[in-house]
Amino acid sequence: MFPTKKVQTLIGSKIKVEMKGAEHHVLEGTLNSVDDYLNLHLLETVEIVDGERARSLGSVILRGNNIILISPVE
């Protein structure tokens, strides 16, 4: 199964996304949509810092080439 097809099965689910960068960026939100480049649209997004919810970001669009890891949240 291609990665985009696997991620599309998570639409409507809560996911955790680890982003590239100097700092450890982790976002958690509801996956609204995904395209062929793995660009993601998340709703009700919150930033996670040191395992704690830091701030609410609302609707966020993430560029696919900045994503390290996508995982479903139980």
N, C-alpha and C. Protein backbone atom coordinates (compact mmCIF):
# COMPACT_ATOMS: atom_id res chain seq x y z
N MET A 1 0.85 -1.18 0.00
CA MET A 1 0.00 0.00 0.00
C MET A 1 0.89 1.24 0.00
N PHE A 2 0.57 2.22 -0.85
CA PHE A 2 1.33 3.46 -0.92
C PHE A 2 1.08 4.30 0.33
N PRO A 3 2.08 5.08 0.74
CA PRO A 3 1.91 5.89 1.95
C PRO A 3 0.70 6.82 1.89
N THR A 4 0.43 7.42 0.73
CA THR A 4 -0.71 8.34 0.64
C THR A 4 -2.02 7.60 0.87
N LYS A 5 -2.15 6.39 0.36
CA LYS A 5 -3.37 5.60 0.56
C LYS A 5 -3.54 5.23 2.03
N LYS A 6 -2.44 4.88 2.69
CA LYS A 6 -2.49 4.53 4.11
C LYS A 6 -2.92 5.74 4.94
N VAL A 7 -2.35 6.91 4.64
CA VAL A 7 -2.69 8.12 5.38
C VAL A 7 -4.14 8.53 5.10
N GLN A 8 -4.62 8.31 3.88
CA GLN A 8 -6.01 8.65 3.55
C GLN A 8 -7.00 7.84 4.39
N THR A 9 -6.60 6.65 4.81
CA THR A 9 -7.49 5.85 5.66
C THR A 9 -7.65 6.47 7.05
N LEU A 10 -6.77 7.41 7.40
CA LEU A 10 -6.81 8.07 8.71
C LEU A 10 -7.64 9.35 8.71
N ILE A 11 -8.21 9.74 7.55
CA ILE A 11 -9.02 10.96 7.49
C ILE A 11 -10.18 10.83 8.48
N GLY A 12 -10.36 11.88 9.27
CA GLY A 12 -11.39 11.89 10.30
C GLY A 12 -10.90 11.40 11.65
N SER A 13 -9.67 10.88 11.69
CA SER A 13 -9.09 10.37 12.93
C SER A 13 -8.11 11.37 13.53
N LYS A 14 -7.85 11.23 14.83
CA LYS A 14 -6.82 12.04 15.47
C LYS A 14 -5.46 11.44 15.14
N ILE A 15 -4.52 12.31 14.76
CA ILE A 15 -3.16 11.87 14.45
C ILE A 15 -2.15 12.76 15.15
N LYS A 16 -0.95 12.22 15.30
CA LYS A 16 0.19 12.96 15.83
C LYS A 16 1.20 13.07 14.70
N VAL A 17 1.75 14.28 14.48
CA VAL A 17 2.69 14.52 13.39
C VAL A 17 3.97 15.11 13.96
N GLU A 18 5.11 14.47 13.65
CA GLU A 18 6.41 14.99 14.04
C GLU A 18 7.00 15.72 12.84
N MET A 19 7.45 16.96 13.06
CA MET A 19 7.93 17.81 11.98
C MET A 19 9.45 17.96 12.04
N LYS A 20 10.06 18.24 10.86
CA LYS A 20 11.49 18.55 10.80
C LYS A 20 11.73 19.90 11.46
N GLY A 21 12.97 20.15 11.85
CA GLY A 21 13.34 21.44 12.41
C GLY A 21 14.37 21.30 13.49
N ALA A 22 14.95 22.43 13.88
CA ALA A 22 15.97 22.45 14.92
C ALA A 22 15.38 21.98 16.25
N GLU A 23 14.14 22.37 16.51
CA GLU A 23 13.47 21.94 17.73
C GLU A 23 12.60 20.73 17.41
N HIS A 24 12.17 20.06 18.45
CA HIS A 24 11.31 18.88 18.29
C HIS A 24 9.85 19.34 18.20
N HIS A 25 9.33 19.48 16.97
CA HIS A 25 7.97 19.95 16.77
C HIS A 25 7.02 18.76 16.64
N VAL A 26 6.03 18.70 17.52
CA VAL A 26 5.01 17.66 17.46
C VAL A 26 3.64 18.34 17.50
N LEU A 27 2.79 17.99 16.55
CA LEU A 27 1.43 18.52 16.49
C LEU A 27 0.45 17.37 16.56
N GLU A 28 -0.70 17.62 17.16
CA GLU A 28 -1.75 16.62 17.26
C GLU A 28 -3.06 17.26 16.85
N GLY A 29 -3.79 16.58 15.96
CA GLY A 29 -5.07 17.11 15.51
C GLY A 29 -5.85 16.09 14.72
N THR A 30 -7.02 16.50 14.24
CA THR A 30 -7.88 15.64 13.43
C THR A 30 -7.54 15.83 11.96
N LEU A 31 -7.21 14.74 11.28
CA LEU A 31 -6.85 14.82 9.86
C LEU A 31 -8.10 15.10 9.03
N ASN A 32 -8.09 16.23 8.32
CA ASN A 32 -9.23 16.62 7.49
C ASN A 32 -9.02 16.19 6.04
N SER A 33 -7.80 16.36 5.52
CA SER A 33 -7.53 15.95 4.14
C SER A 33 -6.03 15.74 3.93
N VAL A 34 -5.71 15.02 2.86
CA VAL A 34 -4.32 14.75 2.48
C VAL A 34 -4.26 14.68 0.95
N ASP A 35 -3.13 15.13 0.36
CA ASP A 35 -3.00 15.05 -1.09
C ASP A 35 -1.86 14.09 -1.46
N ASP A 36 -1.54 14.02 -2.76
CA ASP A 36 -0.52 13.08 -3.24
C ASP A 36 0.89 13.40 -2.74
N TYR A 37 1.13 14.64 -2.28
CA TYR A 37 2.44 15.04 -1.77
C TYR A 37 2.52 14.92 -0.25
N LEU A 38 1.49 14.32 0.35
CA LEU A 38 1.36 14.16 1.80
C LEU A 38 1.25 15.50 2.53
N ASN A 39 0.78 16.54 1.83
CA ASN A 39 0.40 17.77 2.51
C ASN A 39 -0.84 17.44 3.32
N LEU A 40 -0.87 17.89 4.57
CA LEU A 40 -1.97 17.55 5.47
C LEU A 40 -2.74 18.78 5.90
N HIS A 41 -4.05 18.65 6.06
CA HIS A 41 -4.87 19.68 6.67
C HIS A 41 -5.41 19.10 7.96
N LEU A 42 -5.02 19.71 9.09
CA LEU A 42 -5.44 19.26 10.41
C LEU A 42 -6.41 20.26 11.02
N LEU A 43 -7.41 19.76 11.72
CA LEU A 43 -8.35 20.59 12.45
C LEU A 43 -8.14 20.38 13.95
N GLU A 44 -8.54 21.37 14.75
CA GLU A 44 -8.42 21.27 16.22
C GLU A 44 -7.00 20.88 16.62
N THR A 45 -6.02 21.51 16.00
CA THR A 45 -4.62 21.16 16.20
C THR A 45 -4.06 21.79 17.46
N VAL A 46 -3.26 21.01 18.19
CA VAL A 46 -2.55 21.52 19.36
C VAL A 46 -1.07 21.19 19.22
N GLU A 47 -0.23 22.07 19.75
CA GLU A 47 1.21 21.85 19.76
C GLU A 47 1.57 21.10 21.03
N ILE A 48 2.42 20.08 20.90
CA ILE A 48 2.87 19.28 22.04
C ILE A 48 4.33 19.62 22.32
N VAL A 49 4.61 20.08 23.53
CA VAL A 49 5.98 20.41 23.94
C VAL A 49 6.29 19.61 25.20
N ASP A 50 7.34 18.82 25.15
CA ASP A 50 7.76 17.97 26.28
C ASP A 50 6.62 17.10 26.79
N GLY A 51 5.81 16.57 25.86
CA GLY A 51 4.73 15.67 26.21
C GLY A 51 3.47 16.36 26.74
N GLU A 52 3.49 17.68 26.84
CA GLU A 52 2.35 18.45 27.36
C GLU A 52 1.75 19.31 26.25
N ARG A 53 0.44 19.48 26.29
CA ARG A 53 -0.23 20.35 25.32
C ARG A 53 0.15 21.80 25.61
N ALA A 54 0.82 22.46 24.65
CA ALA A 54 1.33 23.81 24.87
C ALA A 54 0.33 24.88 24.46
N ARG A 55 -0.17 24.79 23.22
CA ARG A 55 -1.11 25.81 22.75
C ARG A 55 -1.98 25.25 21.65
N SER A 56 -3.15 25.86 21.50
CA SER A 56 -4.10 25.45 20.47
C SER A 56 -3.83 26.26 19.20
N LEU A 57 -3.76 25.57 18.06
CA LEU A 57 -3.47 26.23 16.78
C LEU A 57 -4.68 26.25 15.84
N GLY A 58 -5.70 25.46 16.12
CA GLY A 58 -6.89 25.41 15.27
C GLY A 58 -6.64 24.67 13.97
N SER A 59 -6.98 25.30 12.84
CA SER A 59 -6.81 24.71 11.51
C SER A 59 -5.39 24.96 11.01
N VAL A 60 -4.69 23.88 10.61
CA VAL A 60 -3.30 23.98 10.19
C VAL A 60 -3.09 23.18 8.92
N ILE A 61 -2.30 23.72 8.00
CA ILE A 61 -1.88 23.00 6.79
C ILE A 61 -0.39 22.73 6.92
N LEU A 62 0.00 21.45 6.78
CA LEU A 62 1.40 21.05 6.90
C LEU A 62 1.93 20.60 5.55
N ARG A 63 3.10 21.09 5.19
CA ARG A 63 3.72 20.70 3.92
C ARG A 63 4.36 19.32 4.08
N GLY A 64 4.08 18.45 3.13
CA GLY A 64 4.50 17.05 3.22
C GLY A 64 5.98 16.83 3.37
N ASN A 65 6.82 17.67 2.73
CA ASN A 65 8.26 17.41 2.80
C ASN A 65 8.87 17.85 4.14
N ASN A 66 8.07 18.43 5.04
CA ASN A 66 8.55 18.79 6.37
C ASN A 66 8.11 17.79 7.44
N ILE A 67 7.45 16.72 7.02
CA ILE A 67 6.91 15.74 7.97
C ILE A 67 7.90 14.56 8.11
N ILE A 68 8.19 14.21 9.35
CA ILE A 68 9.05 13.06 9.64
C ILE A 68 8.21 11.82 9.92
N LEU A 69 7.14 11.98 10.74
CA LEU A 69 6.39 10.84 11.21
C LEU A 69 4.91 11.20 11.37
N ILE A 70 4.03 10.29 10.94
CA ILE A 70 2.59 10.43 11.15
C ILE A 70 2.13 9.19 11.88
N SER A 71 1.43 9.37 13.00
CA SER A 71 0.93 8.21 13.72
C SER A 71 -0.47 8.49 14.27
N PRO A 72 -1.33 7.46 14.26
CA PRO A 72 -2.67 7.64 14.83
C PRO A 72 -2.61 7.75 16.35
N VAL A 73 -3.56 8.49 16.92
CA VAL A 73 -3.64 8.65 18.37
C VAL A 73 -4.79 7.81 18.86
N GLU A 74 -4.57 7.05 19.90
CA GLU A 74 -5.62 6.18 20.47
C GLU A 74 -6.62 6.99 21.23
